[in-house]
PDB file of N, CA and C in Angstrom:
ATOM      1  N   MET A   1     -11.286   5.061 -37.945  1.00  0.00           N
ATOM      2  CA  MET A   1     -10.184   4.784 -37.037  1.00  0.00           C
ATOM      3  C   MET A   1      -9.042   4.126 -37.792  1.00  0.00           C
ATOM      4  N   ASN A   2      -7.845   4.562 -37.507  1.00  0.00           N
ATOM      5  CA  ASN A   2      -6.671   4.009 -38.161  1.00  0.00           C
ATOM      6  C   ASN A   2      -5.977   3.010 -37.242  1.00  0.00           C
ATOM      7  N   ILE A   3      -5.757   1.812 -37.732  1.00  0.00           N
ATOM      8  CA  ILE A   3      -4.995   0.800 -36.992  1.00  0.00           C
ATOM      9  C   ILE A   3      -3.646   0.678 -37.679  1.00  0.00           C
ATOM     10  N   THR A   4      -2.593   0.963 -36.945  1.00  0.00           N
ATOM     11  CA  THR A   4      -1.251   0.977 -37.527  1.00  0.00           C
ATOM     12  C   THR A   4      -0.643  -0.419 -37.541  1.00  0.00           C
ATOM     13  N   ASN A   5      -0.111  -0.808 -38.676  1.00  0.00           N
ATOM     14  CA  ASN A   5       0.622  -2.054 -38.813  1.00  0.00           C
ATOM     15  C   ASN A   5       2.104  -1.705 -38.851  1.00  0.00           C
ATOM     16  N   ASN A   6       2.826  -2.091 -37.821  1.00  0.00           N
ATOM     17  CA  ASN A   6       4.243  -1.751 -37.710  1.00  0.00           C
ATOM     18  C   ASN A   6       5.175  -2.841 -38.226  1.00  0.00           C
ATOM     19  N   TYR A   7       4.626  -3.862 -38.874  1.00  0.00           N
ATOM     20  CA  TYR A   7       5.443  -4.974 -39.351  1.00  0.00           C
ATOM     21  C   TYR A   7       5.148  -5.301 -40.814  1.00  0.00           C
ATOM     22  N   LYS A   8       6.187  -5.708 -41.509  1.00  0.00           N
ATOM     23  CA  LYS A   8       6.076  -6.288 -42.852  1.00  0.00           C
ATOM     24  C   LYS A   8       6.407  -7.773 -42.702  1.00  0.00           C
ATOM     25  N   TRP A   9       5.687  -8.622 -43.422  1.00  0.00           N
ATOM     26  CA  TRP A   9       5.980 -10.049 -43.349  1.00  0.00           C
ATOM     27  C   TRP A   9       6.758 -10.494 -44.576  1.00  0.00           C
ATOM     28  N   GLU A  10       7.470 -11.606 -44.405  1.00  0.00           N
ATOM     29  CA  GLU A  10       8.291 -12.172 -45.482  1.00  0.00           C
ATOM     30  C   GLU A  10       8.276 -13.691 -45.326  1.00  0.00           C
ATOM     31  N   ILE A  11       8.043 -14.388 -46.418  1.00  0.00           N
ATOM     32  CA  ILE A  11       8.038 -15.854 -46.406  1.00  0.00           C
ATOM     33  C   ILE A  11       9.104 -16.360 -47.369  1.00  0.00           C
ATOM     34  N   GLN A  12       9.907 -17.304 -46.885  1.00  0.00           N
ATOM     35  CA  GLN A  12      10.958 -17.910 -47.710  1.00  0.00           C
ATOM     36  C   GLN A  12      10.618 -19.375 -47.960  1.00  0.00           C
ATOM     37  N   LEU A  13      10.769 -19.795 -49.211  1.00  0.00           N
ATOM     38  CA  LEU A  13      10.542 -21.194 -49.585  1.00  0.00           C
ATOM     39  C   LEU A  13      11.857 -21.960 -49.619  1.00  0.00           C
ATOM     40  N   LYS A  14      11.777 -23.279 -49.728  1.00  0.00           N
ATOM     41  CA  LYS A  14      12.965 -24.135 -49.788  1.00  0.00           C
ATOM     42  C   LYS A  14      13.920 -23.746 -50.908  1.00  0.00           C
ATOM     43  N   ASN A  15      13.389 -23.256 -52.019  1.00  0.00           N
ATOM     44  CA  ASN A  15      14.231 -22.875 -53.162  1.00  0.00           C
ATOM     45  C   ASN A  15      14.750 -21.432 -53.044  1.00  0.00           C
ATOM     46  N   ASN A  16      14.605 -20.833 -51.856  1.00  0.00           N
ATOM     47  CA  ASN A  16      15.063 -19.473 -51.537  1.00  0.00           C
ATOM     48  C   ASN A  16      14.228 -18.360 -52.148  1.00  0.00           C
ATOM     49  N   GLU A  17      13.098 -18.667 -52.783  1.00  0.00           N
ATOM     50  CA  GLU A  17      12.193 -17.612 -53.235  1.00  0.00           C
ATOM     51  C   GLU A  17      11.626 -16.900 -52.016  1.00  0.00           C
ATOM     52  N   ILE A  18      11.471 -15.578 -52.130  1.00  0.00           N
ATOM     53  CA  ILE A  18      10.946 -14.754 -51.043  1.00  0.00           C
ATOM     54  C   ILE A  18       9.627 -14.127 -51.493  1.00  0.00           C
ATOM     55  N   TYR A  19       8.610 -14.195 -50.635  1.00  0.00           N
ATOM     56  CA  TYR A  19       7.311 -13.579 -50.894  1.00  0.00           C
ATOM     57  C   TYR A  19       7.021 -12.547 -49.808  1.00  0.00           C
ATOM     58  N   THR A  20       6.503 -11.405 -50.231  1.00  0.00           N
ATOM     59  CA  THR A  20       6.142 -10.342 -49.284  1.00  0.00           C
ATOM     60  C   THR A  20       4.707  -9.855 -49.481  1.00  0.00           C
ATOM     61  N   VAL A  21       4.019 -10.400 -50.467  1.00  0.00           N
ATOM     62  CA  VAL A  21       2.617 -10.069 -50.715  1.00  0.00           C
ATOM     63  C   VAL A  21       1.881 -11.319 -51.169  1.00  0.00           C
ATOM     64  N   GLY A  22       0.573 -11.336 -50.931  1.00  0.00           N
ATOM     65  CA  GLY A  22      -0.272 -12.416 -51.428  1.00  0.00           C
ATOM     66  C   GLY A  22      -0.063 -13.743 -50.739  1.00  0.00           C
ATOM     67  N   ASN A  23      -0.773 -14.742 -51.221  1.00  0.00           N
ATOM     68  CA  ASN A  23      -0.669 -16.103 -50.689  1.00  0.00           C
ATOM     69  C   ASN A  23      -0.481 -17.115 -51.814  1.00  0.00           C
ATOM     70  N   GLU A  24       0.026 -16.640 -52.949  1.00  0.00           N
ATOM     71  CA  GLU A  24       0.186 -17.500 -54.127  1.00  0.00           C
ATOM     72  C   GLU A  24       1.569 -18.143 -54.145  1.00  0.00           C
ATOM     73  N   PHE A  25       1.829 -18.989 -53.173  1.00  0.00           N
ATOM     74  CA  PHE A  25       3.089 -19.723 -53.103  1.00  0.00           C
ATOM     75  C   PHE A  25       2.780 -21.123 -52.584  1.00  0.00           C
ATOM     76  N   ASP A  26       3.735 -22.024 -52.734  1.00  0.00           N
ATOM     77  CA  ASP A  26       3.545 -23.411 -52.310  1.00  0.00           C
ATOM     78  C   ASP A  26       3.693 -23.503 -50.795  1.00  0.00           C
ATOM     79  N   HIS A  27       2.586 -23.649 -50.097  1.00  0.00           N
ATOM     80  CA  HIS A  27       2.590 -23.689 -48.636  1.00  0.00           C
ATOM     81  C   HIS A  27       3.400 -24.857 -48.088  1.00  0.00           C
ATOM     82  N   ASN A  28       3.547 -25.914 -48.855  1.00  0.00           N
ATOM     83  CA  ASN A  28       4.308 -27.086 -48.400  1.00  0.00           C
ATOM     84  C   ASN A  28       5.811 -26.846 -48.388  1.00  0.00           C
ATOM     85  N   ASN A  29       6.268 -25.789 -49.034  1.00  0.00           N
ATOM     86  CA  ASN A  29       7.705 -25.528 -49.121  1.00  0.00           C
ATOM     87  C   ASN A  29       8.173 -24.328 -48.301  1.00  0.00           C
ATOM     88  N   VAL A  30       7.338 -23.847 -47.381  1.00  0.00           N
ATOM     89  CA  VAL A  30       7.725 -22.707 -46.541  1.00  0.00           C
ATOM     90  C   VAL A  30       8.728 -23.179 -45.485  1.00  0.00           C
ATOM     91  N   VAL A  31       9.867 -22.487 -45.408  1.00  0.00           N
ATOM     92  CA  VAL A  31      10.888 -22.810 -44.405  1.00  0.00           C
ATOM     93  C   VAL A  31      11.097 -21.693 -43.393  1.00  0.00           C
ATOM     94  N   ARG A  32      10.673 -20.470 -43.742  1.00  0.00           N
ATOM     95  CA  ARG A  32      10.861 -19.343 -42.825  1.00  0.00           C
ATOM     96  C   ARG A  32       9.751 -18.326 -43.021  1.00  0.00           C
ATOM     97  N   VAL A  33       9.252 -17.813 -41.891  1.00  0.00           N
ATOM     98  CA  VAL A  33       8.328 -16.683 -41.893  1.00  0.00           C
ATOM     99  C   VAL A  33       8.950 -15.633 -40.991  1.00  0.00           C
ATOM    100  N   SER A  34       9.120 -14.426 -41.517  1.00  0.00           N
ATOM    101  CA  SER A  34       9.721 -13.338 -40.740  1.00  0.00           C
ATOM    102  C   SER A  34       8.771 -12.159 -40.655  1.00  0.00           C
ATOM    103  N   PHE A  35       8.864 -11.464 -39.536  1.00  0.00           N
ATOM    104  CA  PHE A  35       8.148 -10.206 -39.335  1.00  0.00           C
ATOM    105  C   PHE A  35       9.195  -9.142 -39.053  1.00  0.00           C
ATOM    106  N   VAL A  36       9.313  -8.209 -39.987  1.00  0.00           N
ATOM    107  CA  VAL A  36      10.344  -7.185 -39.937  1.00  0.00           C
ATOM    108  C   VAL A  36       9.692  -5.870 -39.507  1.00  0.00           C
ATOM    109  N   PRO A  37      10.175  -5.262 -38.411  1.00  0.00           N
ATOM    110  CA  PRO A  37       9.555  -4.027 -37.929  1.00  0.00           C
ATOM    111  C   PRO A  37       9.852  -2.842 -38.836  1.00  0.00           C
ATOM    112  N   SER A  38       8.879  -1.961 -38.960  1.00  0.00           N
ATOM    113  CA  SER A  38       9.080  -0.732 -39.728  1.00  0.00           C
ATOM    114  C   SER A  38       9.375   0.440 -38.797  1.00  0.00           C
ATOM    115  N   ARG A  39       9.313   0.206 -37.498  1.00  0.00           N
ATOM    116  CA  ARG A  39       9.631   1.222 -36.487  1.00  0.00           C
ATOM    117  C   ARG A  39      10.837   0.771 -35.671  1.00  0.00           C
ATOM    118  N   LEU A  40      11.684   1.698 -35.336  1.00  0.00           N
ATOM    119  CA  LEU A  40      12.819   1.393 -34.469  1.00  0.00           C
ATOM    120  C   LEU A  40      12.317   0.909 -33.108  1.00  0.00           C
ATOM    121  N   LEU A  41      13.127   0.111 -32.466  1.00  0.00           N
ATOM    122  CA  LEU A  41      12.888  -0.408 -31.114  1.00  0.00           C
ATOM    123  C   LEU A  41      11.879  -1.550 -31.040  1.00  0.00           C
ATOM    124  N   LEU A  42      11.239  -1.906 -32.134  1.00  0.00           N
ATOM    125  CA  LEU A  42      10.391  -3.094 -32.130  1.00  0.00           C
ATOM    126  C   LEU A  42      11.247  -4.296 -32.518  1.00  0.00           C
ATOM    127  N   PRO A  43      11.009  -5.469 -31.915  1.00  0.00           N
ATOM    128  CA  PRO A  43      11.821  -6.647 -32.236  1.00  0.00           C
ATOM    129  C   PRO A  43      11.438  -7.281 -33.568  1.00  0.00           C
ATOM    130  N   ARG A  44      12.421  -7.886 -34.211  1.00  0.00           N
ATOM    131  CA  ARG A  44      12.186  -8.701 -35.406  1.00  0.00           C
ATOM    132  C   ARG A  44      11.896 -10.116 -34.937  1.00  0.00           C
ATOM    133  N   HIS A  45      11.024 -10.815 -35.669  1.00  0.00           N
ATOM    134  CA  HIS A  45      10.688 -12.196 -35.328  1.00  0.00           C
ATOM    135  C   HIS A  45      10.884 -13.064 -36.564  1.00  0.00           C
ATOM    136  N   ASP A  46      11.642 -14.159 -36.410  1.00  0.00           N
ATOM    137  CA  ASP A  46      11.881 -15.121 -37.482  1.00  0.00           C
ATOM    138  C   ASP A  46      11.439 -16.496 -37.001  1.00  0.00           C
ATOM    139  N   LEU A  47      10.528 -17.108 -37.738  1.00  0.00           N
ATOM    140  CA  LEU A  47      10.080 -18.466 -37.441  1.00  0.00           C
ATOM    141  C   LEU A  47      10.722 -19.407 -38.450  1.00  0.00           C
ATOM    142  N   ILE A  48      11.546 -20.325 -37.967  1.00  0.00           N
ATOM    143  CA  ILE A  48      12.173 -21.340 -38.822  1.00  0.00           C
ATOM    144  C   ILE A  48      11.315 -22.595 -38.714  1.00  0.00           C
ATOM    145  N   LEU A  49      10.743 -23.028 -39.829  1.00  0.00           N
ATOM    146  CA  LEU A  49       9.718 -24.070 -39.810  1.00  0.00           C
ATOM    147  C   LEU A  49      10.206 -25.422 -40.320  1.00  0.00           C
ATOM    148  N   THR A  50      11.454 -25.760 -40.091  1.00  0.00           N
ATOM    149  CA  THR A  50      11.979 -27.028 -40.599  1.00  0.00           C
ATOM    150  C   THR A  50      11.276 -28.242 -39.984  1.00  0.00           C
ATOM    151  N   ASP A  51      10.789 -28.127 -38.747  1.00  0.00           N
ATOM    152  CA  ASP A  51      10.125 -29.257 -38.084  1.00  0.00           C
ATOM    153  C   ASP A  51       8.602 -29.110 -38.027  1.00  0.00           C
ATOM    154  N   PHE A  52       8.082 -28.067 -38.647  1.00  0.00           N
ATOM    155  CA  PHE A  52       6.649 -27.796 -38.602  1.00  0.00           C
ATOM    156  C   PHE A  52       6.108 -27.547 -39.998  1.00  0.00           C
ATOM    157  N   LYS A  53       4.843 -27.854 -40.188  1.00  0.00           N
ATOM    158  CA  LYS A  53       4.212 -27.644 -41.490  1.00  0.00           C
ATOM    159  C   LYS A  53       3.428 -26.338 -41.472  1.00  0.00           C
ATOM    160  N   PHE A  54       3.780 -25.423 -42.367  1.00  0.00           N
ATOM    161  CA  PHE A  54       3.077 -24.160 -42.519  1.00  0.00           C
ATOM    162  C   PHE A  54       1.690 -24.426 -43.095  1.00  0.00           C
ATOM    163  N   LYS A  55       0.671 -23.797 -42.494  1.00  0.00           N
ATOM    164  CA  LYS A  55      -0.690 -23.922 -43.026  1.00  0.00           C
ATOM    165  C   LYS A  55      -1.171 -22.622 -43.647  1.00  0.00           C
ATOM    166  N   LYS A  56      -1.057 -21.518 -42.901  1.00  0.00           N
ATOM    167  CA  LYS A  56      -1.498 -20.232 -43.436  1.00  0.00           C
ATOM    168  C   LYS A  56      -0.971 -19.100 -42.569  1.00  0.00           C
ATOM    169  N   ARG A  57      -1.092 -17.889 -43.126  1.00  0.00           N
ATOM    170  CA  ARG A  57      -0.818 -16.669 -42.373  1.00  0.00           C
ATOM    171  C   ARG A  57      -1.952 -15.709 -42.652  1.00  0.00           C
ATOM    172  N   PHE A  58      -2.269 -14.891 -41.676  1.00  0.00           N
ATOM    173  CA  PHE A  58      -3.302 -13.888 -41.874  1.00  0.00           C
ATOM    174  C   PHE A  58      -3.069 -12.729 -40.917  1.00  0.00           C
ATOM    175  N   CYS A  59      -3.767 -11.631 -41.170  1.00  0.00           N
ATOM    176  CA  CYS A  59      -3.718 -10.443 -40.328  1.00  0.00           C
ATOM    177  C   CYS A  59      -5.142 -10.099 -39.930  1.00  0.00           C
ATOM    178  N   ARG A  60      -5.261  -9.487 -38.780  1.00  0.00           N
ATOM    179  CA  ARG A  60      -6.591  -9.132 -38.293  1.00  0.00           C
ATOM    180  C   ARG A  60      -6.509  -7.821 -37.526  1.00  0.00           C
ATOM    181  N   GLY A  61      -7.363  -6.879 -37.886  1.00  0.00           N
ATOM    182  CA  GLY A  61      -7.465  -5.629 -37.146  1.00  0.00           C
ATOM    183  C   GLY A  61      -8.534  -5.760 -36.075  1.00  0.00           C
ATOM    184  N   MET A  62      -8.220  -5.295 -34.869  1.00  0.00           N
ATOM    185  CA  MET A  62      -9.156  -5.398 -33.742  1.00  0.00           C
ATOM    186  C   MET A  62      -9.466  -4.004 -33.211  1.00  0.00           C
ATOM    187  N   ILE A  63     -10.741  -3.710 -33.043  1.00  0.00           N
ATOM    188  CA  ILE A  63     -11.164  -2.446 -32.457  1.00  0.00           C
ATOM    189  C   ILE A  63     -12.196  -2.750 -31.380  1.00  0.00           C
ATOM    190  N   LYS A  64     -11.996  -2.209 -30.187  1.00  0.00           N
ATOM    191  CA  LYS A  64     -12.974  -2.303 -29.106  1.00  0.00           C
ATOM    192  C   LYS A  64     -13.403  -0.886 -28.771  1.00  0.00           C
ATOM    193  N   GLN A  65     -14.554  -0.485 -29.265  1.00  0.00           N
ATOM    194  CA  GLN A  65     -15.035   0.880 -29.110  1.00  0.00           C
ATOM    195  C   GLN A  65     -15.111   1.316 -27.649  1.00  0.00           C
ATOM    196  N   GLN A  66     -15.703   0.462 -26.791  1.00  0.00           N
ATOM    197  CA  GLN A  66     -15.924   0.864 -25.408  1.00  0.00           C
ATOM    198  C   GLN A  66     -14.628   1.028 -24.630  1.00  0.00           C
ATOM    199  N   MET A  67     -13.567   0.397 -25.068  1.00  0.00           N
ATOM    200  CA  MET A  67     -12.297   0.488 -24.355  1.00  0.00           C
ATOM    201  C   MET A  67     -11.304   1.403 -25.080  1.00  0.00           C
ATOM    202  N   GLY A  68     -11.655   1.840 -26.278  1.00  0.00           N
ATOM    203  CA  GLY A  68     -10.753   2.686 -27.047  1.00  0.00           C
ATOM    204  C   GLY A  68      -9.503   1.961 -27.514  1.00  0.00           C
ATOM    205  N   MET A  69      -9.559   0.638 -27.553  1.00  0.00           N
ATOM    206  CA  MET A  69      -8.397  -0.171 -27.891  1.00  0.00           C
ATOM    207  C   MET A  69      -8.379  -0.474 -29.387  1.00  0.00           C
ATOM    208  N   LYS A  70      -7.192  -0.377 -29.984  1.00  0.00           N
ATOM    209  CA  LYS A  70      -7.002  -0.730 -31.389  1.00  0.00           C
ATOM    210  C   LYS A  70      -5.750  -1.597 -31.474  1.00  0.00           C
ATOM    211  N   GLU A  71      -5.822  -2.640 -32.275  1.00  0.00           N
ATOM    212  CA  GLU A  71      -4.661  -3.515 -32.429  1.00  0.00           C
ATOM    213  C   GLU A  71      -4.688  -4.165 -33.798  1.00  0.00           C
ATOM    214  N   TYR A  72      -3.501  -4.427 -34.329  1.00  0.00           N
ATOM    215  CA  TYR A  72      -3.333  -5.149 -35.576  1.00  0.00           C
ATOM    216  C   TYR A  72      -2.525  -6.395 -35.264  1.00  0.00           C
ATOM    217  N   LEU A  73      -3.103  -7.568 -35.516  1.00  0.00           N
ATOM    218  CA  LEU A  73      -2.455  -8.844 -35.215  1.00  0.00           C
ATOM    219  C   LEU A  73      -2.019  -9.554 -36.483  1.00  0.00           C
ATOM    220  N   HIS A  74      -0.831 -10.131 -36.439  1.00  0.00           N
ATOM    221  CA  HIS A  74      -0.368 -11.050 -37.470  1.00  0.00           C
ATOM    222  C   HIS A  74      -0.458 -12.447 -36.866  1.00  0.00           C
ATOM    223  N   CYS A  75      -0.782 -13.433 -37.681  1.00  0.00           N
ATOM    224  CA  CYS A  75      -0.844 -14.807 -37.187  1.00  0.00           C
ATOM    225  C   CYS A  75      -0.254 -15.756 -38.226  1.00  0.00           C
ATOM    226  N   VAL A  76       0.537 -16.708 -37.743  1.00  0.00           N
ATOM    227  CA  VAL A  76       1.048 -17.813 -38.555  1.00  0.00           C
ATOM    228  C   VAL A  76       0.495 -19.086 -37.939  1.00  0.00           C
ATOM    229  N   VAL A  77      -0.140 -19.909 -38.763  1.00  0.00           N
ATOM    230  CA  VAL A  77      -0.707 -21.172 -38.295  1.00  0.00           C
ATOM    231  C   VAL A  77       0.134 -22.315 -38.866  1.00  0.00           C
ATOM    232  N   THR A  78       0.565 -23.210 -37.986  1.00  0.00           N
ATOM    233  CA  THR A  78       1.285 -24.416 -38.406  1.00  0.00           C
ATOM    234  C   THR A  78       0.488 -25.628 -37.943  1.00  0.00           C
ATOM    235  N   ASP A  79       1.014 -26.814 -38.203  1.00  0.00           N
ATOM    236  CA  ASP A  79       0.363 -28.029 -37.742  1.00  0.00           C
ATOM    237  C   ASP A  79       0.454 -28.199 -36.233  1.00  0.00           C
ATOM    238  N   ALA A  80       1.366 -27.492 -35.564  1.00  0.00           N
ATOM    239  CA  ALA A  80       1.573 -27.673 -34.135  1.00  0.00           C
ATOM    240  C   ALA A  80       1.240 -26.451 -33.276  1.00  0.00           C
ATOM    241  N   PHE A  81       1.265 -25.257 -33.840  1.00  0.00           N
ATOM    242  CA  PHE A  81       1.051 -24.056 -33.041  1.00  0.00           C
ATOM    243  C   PHE A  81       0.565 -22.895 -33.896  1.00  0.00           C
ATOM    244  N   ARG A  82       0.112 -21.856 -33.202  1.00  0.00           N
ATOM    245  CA  ARG A  82      -0.176 -20.554 -33.812  1.00  0.00           C
ATOM    246  C   ARG A  82       0.751 -19.534 -33.176  1.00  0.00           C
ATOM    247  N   PHE A  83       1.284 -18.669 -34.011  1.00  0.00           N
ATOM    248  CA  PHE A  83       2.167 -17.593 -33.573  1.00  0.00           C
ATOM    249  C   PHE A  83       1.430 -16.285 -33.815  1.00  0.00           C
ATOM    250  N   TYR A  84       1.100 -15.576 -32.739  1.00  0.00           N
ATOM    251  CA  TYR A  84       0.423 -14.282 -32.839  1.00  0.00           C
ATOM    252  C   TYR A  84       1.412 -13.172 -32.517  1.00  0.00           C
ATOM    253  N   LEU A  85       1.375 -12.099 -33.295  1.00  0.00           N
ATOM    254  CA  LEU A  85       2.240 -10.937 -33.095  1.00  0.00           C
ATOM    255  C   LEU A  85       1.379  -9.689 -33.009  1.00  0.00           C
ATOM    256  N   LYS A  86       1.519  -8.949 -31.907  1.00  0.00           N
ATOM    257  CA  LYS A  86       0.837  -7.665 -31.758  1.00  0.00           C
ATOM    258  C   LYS A  86       1.691  -6.601 -32.433  1.00  0.00           C
ATOM    259  N   SER A  87       1.137  -5.966 -33.439  1.00  0.00           N
ATOM    260  CA  SER A  87       1.890  -4.991 -34.218  1.00  0.00           C
ATOM    261  C   SER A  87       2.218  -3.723 -33.431  1.00  0.00           C
ATOM    262  N   SER A  88       1.439  -3.417 -32.415  1.00  0.00           N
ATOM    263  CA  SER A  88       1.657  -2.181 -31.662  1.00  0.00           C
ATOM    264  C   SER A  88       2.944  -2.183 -30.860  1.00  0.00           C
ATOM    265  N   ASN A  89       3.319  -3.368 -30.317  1.00  0.00           N
ATOM    266  CA  ASN A  89       4.488  -3.402 -29.436  1.00  0.00           C
ATOM    267  C   ASN A  89       5.428  -4.587 -29.667  1.00  0.00           C
ATOM    268  N   GLY A  90       5.140  -5.455 -30.632  1.00  0.00           N
ATOM    269  CA  GLY A  90       6.015  -6.585 -30.931  1.00  0.00           C
ATOM    270  C   GLY A  90       5.841  -7.781 -30.011  1.00  0.00           C
ATOM    271  N   GLN A  91       4.880  -7.711 -29.119  1.00  0.00           N
ATOM    272  CA  GLN A  91       4.625  -8.801 -28.190  1.00  0.00           C
ATOM    273  C   GLN A  91       4.089 -10.013 -28.939  1.00  0.00           C
ATOM    274  N   ILE A  92       4.511 -11.219 -28.537  1.00  0.00           N
ATOM    275  CA  ILE A  92       4.046 -12.437 -29.201  1.00  0.00           C
ATOM    276  C   ILE A  92       3.313 -13.343 -28.224  1.00  0.00           C
ATOM    277  N   LEU A  93       2.500 -14.221 -28.791  1.00  0.00           N
ATOM    278  CA  LEU A  93       1.810 -15.258 -28.045  1.00  0.00           C
ATOM    279  C   LEU A  93       1.842 -16.506 -28.913  1.00  0.00           C
ATOM    280  N   ILE A  94       2.261 -17.613 -28.329  1.00  0.00           N
ATOM    281  CA  ILE A  94       2.270 -18.893 -29.039  1.00  0.00           C
ATOM    282  C   ILE A  94       1.245 -19.787 -28.371  1.00  0.00           C
ATOM    283  N   THR A  95       0.333 -20.336 -29.189  1.00  0.00           N
ATOM    284  CA  THR A  95      -0.772 -21.131 -28.660  1.00  0.00           C
ATOM    285  C   THR A  95      -0.863 -22.458 -29.416  1.00  0.00           C
ATOM    286  N   ASP A  96      -1.793 -23.275 -28.985  1.00  0.00           N
ATOM    287  CA  ASP A  96      -2.160 -24.484 -29.713  1.00  0.00           C
ATOM    288  C   ASP A  96      -2.617 -24.087 -31.116  1.00  0.00           C
ATOM    289  N   SER A  97      -2.488 -24.979 -32.066  1.00  0.00           N
ATOM    290  CA  SER A  97      -2.822 -24.656 -33.458  1.00  0.00           C
ATOM    291  C   SER A  97      -4.293 -24.373 -33.687  1.00  0.00           C
ATOM    292  N   THR A  98      -5.154 -24.732 -32.758  1.00  0.00           N
ATOM    293  CA  THR A  98      -6.596 -24.500 -32.907  1.00  0.00           C
ATOM    294  C   THR A  98      -7.091 -23.279 -32.149  1.00  0.00           C
ATOM    295  N   TYR A  99      -6.227 -22.623 -31.397  1.00  0.00           N
ATOM    296  CA  TYR A  99      -6.634 -21.499 -30.547  1.00  0.00           C
ATOM    297  C   TYR A  99      -6.896 -20.231 -31.355  1.00  0.00           C
ATOM    298  N   GLU A 100      -8.055 -19.603 -31.121  1.00  0.00           N
ATOM    299  CA  GLU A 100      -8.395 -18.337 -31.776  1.00  0.00           C
ATOM    300  C   GLU A 100      -8.252 -17.226 -30.745  1.00  0.00           C
ATOM    301  N   LEU A 101      -7.412 -16.248 -31.031  1.00  0.00           N
ATOM    302  CA  LEU A 101      -7.201 -15.129 -30.114  1.00  0.00           C
ATOM    303  C   LEU A 101      -8.179 -14.011 -30.420  1.00  0.00           C
ATOM    304  N   TYR A 102      -8.863 -13.543 -29.400  1.00  0.00           N
ATOM    305  CA  TYR A 102      -9.753 -12.396 -29.514  1.00  0.00           C
ATOM    306  C   TYR A 102      -9.341 -11.379 -28.456  1.00  0.00           C
ATOM    307  N   ILE A 103      -9.245 -10.129 -28.866  1.00  0.00           N
ATOM    308  CA  ILE A 103      -8.836  -9.085 -27.921  1.00  0.00           C
ATOM    309  C   ILE A 103     -10.069  -8.338 -27.473  1.00  0.00           C
TER     310      ILE A 103
END
């Protein structure tokens, strides 16, 4: 089964360095996390983290066989919240920093 990822992520540090792959950057200096759509009509999302501490970002593919549902989620975890992005339609969910989303 193919799960389509319709977003590319981008992380900007205080010194204006931009990262688009890997996690080999100084997490303490993250000032912006962006999700740029690769398909027309999907929204772009920019998180400005001047008042929040970046902890990590990750992606997760979800498949529910019995429901035929497939989804690709992006997540940004900060000290205060989690930002979840559904790659299929650009929908977001913001939760407590400890909340784990399961589809």
